[in-house]
Amino acid sequence: MNDTERKLLRILFNRYGHQNTRIAIPELARFAQREVGQIRKALEKLREERFIEWEDTMDYVRVIPGWLQAR
């Protein structure tokens, strides 16, 4: 996992753990201090590794809890 992916996962995990809400990609880009293109590329990688639920058509991202990831 590269630095951007780790940073996004940490932001998403903290947001999901504390507020149990989804986060919009523009808001995620602002928190991570990255460009939206970098965010989308990192989200795609995290989705492939089953850390998050996200589709290109969705503007929101959700963390997959650890017990669901193990499948």
N, C-alpha and C. Protein backbone atom coordinates (compact mmCIF):
# COMPACT_ATOMS: atom_id res chain seq x y z
N MET A 1 0.84 -1.17 0.00
CA MET A 1 0.00 0.00 0.00
C MET A 1 0.90 1.24 0.00
N ASN A 2 0.60 2.19 -0.87
CA ASN A 2 1.41 3.40 -0.89
C ASN A 2 0.91 4.41 0.15
N ASP A 3 1.60 5.53 0.25
CA ASP A 3 1.30 6.53 1.28
C ASP A 3 -0.11 7.09 1.15
N THR A 4 -0.54 7.38 -0.06
CA THR A 4 -1.88 7.93 -0.27
C THR A 4 -2.95 6.92 0.15
N GLU A 5 -2.77 5.67 -0.22
CA GLU A 5 -3.73 4.63 0.15
C GLU A 5 -3.81 4.47 1.66
N ARG A 6 -2.66 4.45 2.33
CA ARG A 6 -2.65 4.33 3.79
C ARG A 6 -3.34 5.52 4.45
N LYS A 7 -3.06 6.71 3.92
CA LYS A 7 -3.65 7.92 4.49
C LYS A 7 -5.17 7.91 4.32
N LEU A 8 -5.63 7.54 3.13
CA LEU A 8 -7.07 7.48 2.89
C LEU A 8 -7.74 6.44 3.78
N LEU A 9 -7.13 5.29 3.90
CA LEU A 9 -7.72 4.25 4.72
C LEU A 9 -7.80 4.68 6.18
N ARG A 10 -6.80 5.37 6.67
CA ARG A 10 -6.81 5.86 8.05
C ARG A 10 -7.92 6.92 8.22
N ILE A 11 -8.04 7.83 7.28
CA ILE A 11 -9.10 8.84 7.34
C ILE A 11 -10.48 8.17 7.31
N LEU A 12 -10.66 7.25 6.38
CA LEU A 12 -11.94 6.55 6.25
C LEU A 12 -12.26 5.74 7.50
N PHE A 13 -11.27 5.04 8.02
CA PHE A 13 -11.49 4.21 9.21
C PHE A 13 -11.87 5.08 10.40
N ASN A 14 -11.16 6.18 10.59
CA ASN A 14 -11.47 7.07 11.71
C ASN A 14 -12.86 7.68 11.55
N ARG A 15 -13.19 8.09 10.36
CA ARG A 15 -14.51 8.69 10.12
C ARG A 15 -15.61 7.66 10.33
N TYR A 16 -15.41 6.45 9.81
CA TYR A 16 -16.41 5.40 9.93
C TYR A 16 -16.54 4.97 11.39
N GLY A 17 -15.43 4.85 12.10
CA GLY A 17 -15.44 4.41 13.49
C GLY A 17 -16.08 5.40 14.44
N HIS A 18 -15.91 6.67 14.18
CA HIS A 18 -16.43 7.68 15.09
C HIS A 18 -17.83 8.15 14.73
N GLN A 19 -18.11 8.26 13.45
CA GLN A 19 -19.39 8.82 13.04
C GLN A 19 -20.27 7.84 12.28
N ASN A 20 -19.68 6.70 11.85
CA ASN A 20 -20.40 5.69 11.09
C ASN A 20 -21.13 6.30 9.89
N THR A 21 -20.43 7.18 9.19
CA THR A 21 -21.00 7.84 8.02
C THR A 21 -20.09 7.64 6.82
N ARG A 22 -20.67 7.86 5.65
CA ARG A 22 -19.87 7.84 4.43
C ARG A 22 -19.24 9.22 4.26
N ILE A 23 -18.20 9.28 3.44
CA ILE A 23 -17.51 10.54 3.22
C ILE A 23 -17.45 10.82 1.72
N ALA A 24 -17.72 12.04 1.33
CA ALA A 24 -17.72 12.43 -0.08
C ALA A 24 -16.27 12.55 -0.58
N ILE A 25 -16.06 12.24 -1.83
CA ILE A 25 -14.71 12.27 -2.42
C ILE A 25 -14.09 13.67 -2.35
N PRO A 26 -14.81 14.75 -2.66
CA PRO A 26 -14.19 16.08 -2.52
C PRO A 26 -13.75 16.38 -1.08
N GLU A 27 -14.55 15.94 -0.13
CA GLU A 27 -14.20 16.13 1.28
C GLU A 27 -12.98 15.28 1.64
N LEU A 28 -12.93 14.07 1.12
CA LEU A 28 -11.79 13.18 1.35
C LEU A 28 -10.52 13.78 0.75
N ALA A 29 -10.62 14.36 -0.43
CA ALA A 29 -9.46 15.01 -1.07
C ALA A 29 -8.95 16.17 -0.22
N ARG A 30 -9.87 16.90 0.37
CA ARG A 30 -9.48 18.02 1.23
C ARG A 30 -8.79 17.53 2.48
N PHE A 31 -9.33 16.49 3.13
CA PHE A 31 -8.71 15.94 4.33
C PHE A 31 -7.32 15.37 4.04
N ALA A 32 -7.18 14.67 2.91
CA ALA A 32 -5.93 14.01 2.57
C ALA A 32 -4.92 14.96 1.92
N GLN A 33 -5.38 16.14 1.54
CA GLN A 33 -4.53 17.11 0.85
C GLN A 33 -3.94 16.52 -0.43
N ARG A 34 -4.81 15.87 -1.19
CA ARG A 34 -4.43 15.26 -2.45
C ARG A 34 -5.41 15.72 -3.53
N GLU A 35 -5.03 15.55 -4.78
CA GLU A 35 -5.90 15.85 -5.91
C GLU A 35 -6.97 14.76 -6.03
N VAL A 36 -8.12 15.13 -6.59
CA VAL A 36 -9.21 14.17 -6.75
C VAL A 36 -8.77 12.97 -7.59
N GLY A 37 -7.96 13.19 -8.61
CA GLY A 37 -7.45 12.09 -9.43
C GLY A 37 -6.63 11.10 -8.62
N GLN A 38 -5.79 11.60 -7.73
CA GLN A 38 -5.00 10.73 -6.87
C GLN A 38 -5.91 9.94 -5.92
N ILE A 39 -6.94 10.62 -5.44
CA ILE A 39 -7.89 9.98 -4.53
C ILE A 39 -8.60 8.83 -5.24
N ARG A 40 -9.10 9.09 -6.43
CA ARG A 40 -9.82 8.06 -7.19
C ARG A 40 -8.93 6.86 -7.49
N LYS A 41 -7.68 7.10 -7.84
CA LYS A 41 -6.75 6.00 -8.13
C LYS A 41 -6.50 5.17 -6.86
N ALA A 42 -6.29 5.83 -5.75
CA ALA A 42 -6.05 5.12 -4.49
C ALA A 42 -7.31 4.38 -4.04
N LEU A 43 -8.49 4.98 -4.23
CA LEU A 43 -9.73 4.31 -3.86
C LEU A 43 -9.95 3.05 -4.69
N GLU A 44 -9.60 3.11 -5.96
CA GLU A 44 -9.71 1.94 -6.83
C GLU A 44 -8.85 0.79 -6.29
N LYS A 45 -7.65 1.11 -5.89
CA LYS A 45 -6.74 0.09 -5.35
C LYS A 45 -7.29 -0.48 -4.03
N LEU A 46 -7.79 0.40 -3.16
CA LEU A 46 -8.36 -0.06 -1.89
C LEU A 46 -9.61 -0.91 -2.11
N ARG A 47 -10.38 -0.57 -3.13
CA ARG A 47 -11.57 -1.36 -3.46
C ARG A 47 -11.18 -2.74 -3.96
N GLU A 48 -10.15 -2.81 -4.80
CA GLU A 48 -9.67 -4.10 -5.30
C GLU A 48 -9.19 -5.00 -4.17
N GLU A 49 -8.60 -4.39 -3.15
CA GLU A 49 -8.10 -5.15 -2.00
C GLU A 49 -9.17 -5.38 -0.94
N ARG A 50 -10.41 -4.94 -1.23
CA ARG A 50 -11.60 -5.13 -0.38
C ARG A 50 -11.49 -4.46 0.99
N PHE A 51 -10.87 -3.29 1.02
CA PHE A 51 -10.85 -2.48 2.24
C PHE A 51 -12.05 -1.55 2.29
N ILE A 52 -12.59 -1.19 1.12
CA ILE A 52 -13.69 -0.23 1.05
C ILE A 52 -14.73 -0.68 0.04
N GLU A 53 -15.91 -0.07 0.12
CA GLU A 53 -16.94 -0.19 -0.90
C GLU A 53 -17.00 1.14 -1.63
N TRP A 54 -16.85 1.08 -2.95
CA TRP A 54 -16.88 2.29 -3.75
C TRP A 54 -16.98 1.91 -5.22
N GLU A 55 -17.76 2.67 -5.96
CA GLU A 55 -17.85 2.53 -7.41
C GLU A 55 -17.62 3.89 -8.02
N ASP A 56 -17.13 3.91 -9.25
CA ASP A 56 -16.86 5.18 -9.92
C ASP A 56 -18.10 6.07 -9.98
N THR A 57 -19.28 5.48 -10.06
CA THR A 57 -20.50 6.25 -10.16
C THR A 57 -20.95 6.80 -8.81
N MET A 58 -20.39 6.26 -7.73
CA MET A 58 -20.75 6.74 -6.39
C MET A 58 -19.86 7.91 -6.01
N ASP A 59 -20.42 8.84 -5.30
CA ASP A 59 -19.63 9.97 -4.81
C ASP A 59 -19.22 9.75 -3.36
N TYR A 60 -19.58 8.59 -2.82
CA TYR A 60 -19.29 8.30 -1.42
C TYR A 60 -18.48 7.01 -1.29
N VAL A 61 -17.75 6.91 -0.18
CA VAL A 61 -16.90 5.75 0.11
C VAL A 61 -17.29 5.23 1.47
N ARG A 62 -17.27 3.89 1.65
CA ARG A 62 -17.57 3.28 2.94
C ARG A 62 -16.54 2.20 3.24
N VAL A 63 -16.06 2.15 4.48
CA VAL A 63 -15.10 1.13 4.91
C VAL A 63 -15.83 -0.18 5.12
N ILE A 64 -15.20 -1.27 4.71
CA ILE A 64 -15.74 -2.59 4.98
C ILE A 64 -15.16 -3.05 6.32
N PRO A 65 -16.01 -3.35 7.30
CA PRO A 65 -15.51 -3.83 8.59
C PRO A 65 -14.63 -5.05 8.44
N GLY A 66 -13.68 -5.23 9.32
CA GLY A 66 -12.69 -6.29 9.24
C GLY A 66 -13.27 -7.68 9.13
N TRP A 67 -14.37 -7.96 9.81
CA TRP A 67 -14.93 -9.31 9.77
C TRP A 67 -15.53 -9.62 8.41
N LEU A 68 -15.92 -8.62 7.62
CA LEU A 68 -16.41 -8.85 6.28
C LEU A 68 -15.27 -8.96 5.28
N GLN A 69 -14.16 -8.33 5.56
CA GLN A 69 -13.02 -8.32 4.65
C GLN A 69 -12.38 -9.71 4.56
N ALA A 70 -12.44 -10.51 5.60
CA ALA A 70 -11.75 -11.78 5.67
C ALA A 70 -12.34 -12.83 4.73
N ARG A 71 -13.53 -12.59 4.19
CA ARG A 71 -14.15 -13.59 3.32
C ARG A 71 -13.38 -13.90 2.10
